[in-house]
């Protein structure tokens, strides 16, 4: 595990790039547009990929990300993207002060760095919680 591989995600990212994406492109009609949607721990993985492998996807939809993992390690690491996705959507429901605060922090820390090169949007769903935010947040990300 390298210094930037806080969550030991390098293997999974390699799987996506080296195995899964070629299989999808071979099996189905596809184009060069790639979207990653992750919720909860998959939202943490999506955030990790955004931080450390930003060129991997064009669109990121990060919902209820478990950014608290390892004492907020990801948000405490430097954010210096090597490329700029078209869009980053961060969605959060009424999930408590910690989760909501970390989602807002992710938005606050990434939006200025992406500037006008990427669209960054934060969606807050005050009537939804961790279990039911996903569907409306994904819909909101694409509208």
Protein backbone atom coordinates (compact mmCIF):
# COMPACT_ATOMS: atom_id res chain seq x y z
CA UNK A 1 0.00 0.00 0.00
CA UNK A 2 1.49 3.33 -1.01
CA UNK A 3 1.24 6.56 0.96
CA UNK A 4 -1.75 7.85 -1.04
CA UNK A 5 -3.53 4.47 -0.97
CA UNK A 6 -5.11 5.06 2.42
CA UNK A 7 -7.91 2.55 1.87
CA UNK A 8 -5.93 -0.05 -0.09
CA UNK A 9 -8.11 0.72 -3.10
CA UNK A 10 -5.38 0.47 -5.76
CA UNK A 11 -6.30 -3.16 -6.52
CA UNK A 12 -9.97 -2.31 -7.06
CA UNK A 13 -9.14 0.72 -9.22
CA UNK A 14 -6.81 -1.45 -11.31
CA UNK A 15 -9.61 -4.00 -11.66
CA UNK A 16 -11.98 -1.28 -12.93
CA UNK A 17 -9.45 0.07 -15.44
CA UNK A 18 -7.74 -3.15 -16.56
CA UNK A 19 -10.52 -5.74 -16.43
CA UNK A 20 -14.02 -4.31 -16.01
CA UNK A 21 -13.90 -1.35 -18.39
CA UNK A 22 -12.41 -3.42 -21.28
CA UNK A 23 -15.03 -6.13 -20.69
CA UNK A 24 -17.86 -3.58 -20.79
CA UNK A 25 -16.45 -1.93 -23.93
CA UNK A 26 -16.06 -5.32 -25.63
CA UNK A 27 -19.50 -6.63 -24.63
CA UNK A 28 -21.67 -3.51 -24.96
CA UNK A 29 -21.91 -0.43 -27.11
CA UNK A 30 -20.16 2.25 -25.12
CA UNK A 31 -18.42 5.56 -25.52
CA UNK A 32 -15.70 7.41 -23.67
CA UNK A 33 -18.08 8.85 -21.07
CA UNK A 34 -17.67 7.16 -17.69
CA UNK A 35 -19.68 7.76 -14.52
CA UNK A 36 -18.97 6.51 -11.02
CA UNK A 37 -21.79 6.37 -8.48
CA UNK A 38 -21.01 5.39 -4.91
CA UNK A 39 -22.97 5.51 -1.67
CA UNK A 40 -21.73 5.02 1.91
CA UNK A 41 -18.47 3.02 1.79
CA UNK A 42 -18.70 3.02 -2.01
CA UNK A 43 -19.03 6.79 -1.67
CA UNK A 44 -15.76 6.75 0.23
CA UNK A 45 -14.17 4.74 -2.59
CA UNK A 46 -15.61 7.20 -5.12
CA UNK A 47 -14.13 10.08 -3.11
CA UNK A 48 -10.78 8.29 -2.95
CA UNK A 49 -10.78 7.81 -6.73
CA UNK A 50 -11.68 11.48 -7.19
CA UNK A 51 -8.81 12.53 -4.91
CA UNK A 52 -6.15 10.19 -6.26
CA UNK A 53 -7.20 9.09 -9.75
CA UNK A 54 -9.44 11.91 -10.96
CA UNK A 55 -8.94 11.06 -14.65
CA UNK A 56 -10.61 7.68 -14.20
CA UNK A 57 -14.17 9.01 -14.60
CA UNK A 58 -15.88 11.97 -16.26
CA UNK A 59 -18.72 12.17 -13.75
CA UNK A 60 -18.65 11.45 -10.02
CA UNK A 61 -21.83 10.98 -7.99
CA UNK A 62 -20.84 10.67 -4.33
CA UNK A 63 -23.74 9.97 -1.96
CA UNK A 64 -23.58 9.75 1.84
CA UNK A 65 -19.84 9.12 1.67
CA UNK A 66 -18.28 7.51 4.74
CA UNK A 67 -15.61 10.21 4.89
CA UNK A 68 -15.29 9.65 8.64
CA UNK A 69 -13.41 6.41 7.93
CA UNK A 70 -9.90 6.31 9.44
CA UNK A 71 -10.44 9.59 11.31
CA UNK A 72 -11.30 11.62 8.19
CA UNK A 73 -8.00 10.54 6.60
CA UNK A 74 -9.09 11.25 3.04
CA UNK A 75 -10.22 14.81 3.73
CA UNK A 76 -7.06 15.41 5.74
CA UNK A 77 -4.88 14.43 2.79
CA UNK A 78 -3.84 16.90 0.07
CA UNK A 79 -6.23 17.36 -2.83
CA UNK A 80 -4.28 18.03 -6.01
CA UNK A 81 -6.17 16.50 -8.95
CA UNK A 82 -4.21 15.72 -12.08
CA UNK A 83 -7.28 16.15 -14.25
CA UNK A 84 -10.72 17.69 -13.98
CA UNK A 85 -13.90 15.65 -14.37
CA UNK A 86 -16.89 17.25 -16.03
CA UNK A 87 -19.00 17.00 -12.92
CA UNK A 88 -18.82 16.11 -9.24
CA UNK A 89 -22.09 15.71 -7.35
CA UNK A 90 -22.07 15.28 -3.58
CA UNK A 91 -25.36 14.22 -2.00
CA UNK A 92 -26.26 13.89 1.66
CA UNK A 93 -29.44 13.37 3.63
CA UNK A 94 -30.33 14.15 7.22
CA UNK A 95 -27.57 11.88 8.52
CA UNK A 96 -26.23 13.62 11.56
CA UNK A 97 -23.77 16.38 12.20
CA UNK A 98 -20.66 14.33 11.35
CA UNK A 99 -21.81 12.93 8.00
CA UNK A 100 -23.44 16.19 6.90
CA UNK A 101 -20.45 18.26 7.98
CA UNK A 102 -17.99 16.03 6.13
CA UNK A 103 -20.08 16.15 2.94
CA UNK A 104 -20.12 19.95 3.14
CA UNK A 105 -16.38 19.94 3.78
CA UNK A 106 -15.78 17.74 0.71
CA UNK A 107 -17.77 20.23 -1.35
CA UNK A 108 -16.05 23.26 0.21
CA UNK A 109 -12.56 21.86 -0.33
CA UNK A 110 -12.98 20.51 -3.86
CA UNK A 111 -15.12 23.21 -5.52
CA UNK A 112 -12.49 25.99 -5.41
CA UNK A 113 -9.77 23.68 -6.73
CA UNK A 114 -11.92 22.53 -9.64
CA UNK A 115 -12.99 26.14 -10.23
CA UNK A 116 -14.77 26.56 -13.53
CA UNK A 117 -13.13 23.41 -14.98
CA UNK A 118 -15.65 21.08 -13.33
CA UNK A 119 -19.21 21.50 -12.19
CA UNK A 120 -19.43 20.76 -8.45
CA UNK A 121 -22.81 20.53 -6.76
CA UNK A 122 -23.93 19.68 -3.24
CA UNK A 123 -27.41 18.25 -2.80
CA UNK A 124 -28.96 18.16 0.68
CA UNK A 125 -32.06 16.07 1.36
CA UNK A 126 -33.45 17.15 4.73
CA UNK A 127 -36.33 14.65 4.62
CA UNK A 128 -34.20 11.61 3.75
CA UNK A 129 -31.62 9.63 5.68
CA UNK A 130 -28.68 7.34 4.93
CA UNK A 131 -30.95 4.50 3.84
CA UNK A 132 -33.07 6.40 1.32
CA UNK A 133 -31.03 9.32 -0.04
CA UNK A 134 -29.45 7.40 -2.93
CA UNK A 135 -32.26 7.36 -5.51
CA UNK A 136 -33.29 11.01 -5.32
CA UNK A 137 -29.67 12.13 -5.10
CA UNK A 138 -28.75 10.24 -8.27
CA UNK A 139 -31.78 11.74 -10.00
CA UNK A 140 -30.74 15.21 -8.78
CA UNK A 141 -27.18 14.64 -10.03
CA UNK A 142 -28.41 14.12 -13.58
CA UNK A 143 -30.94 16.95 -13.72
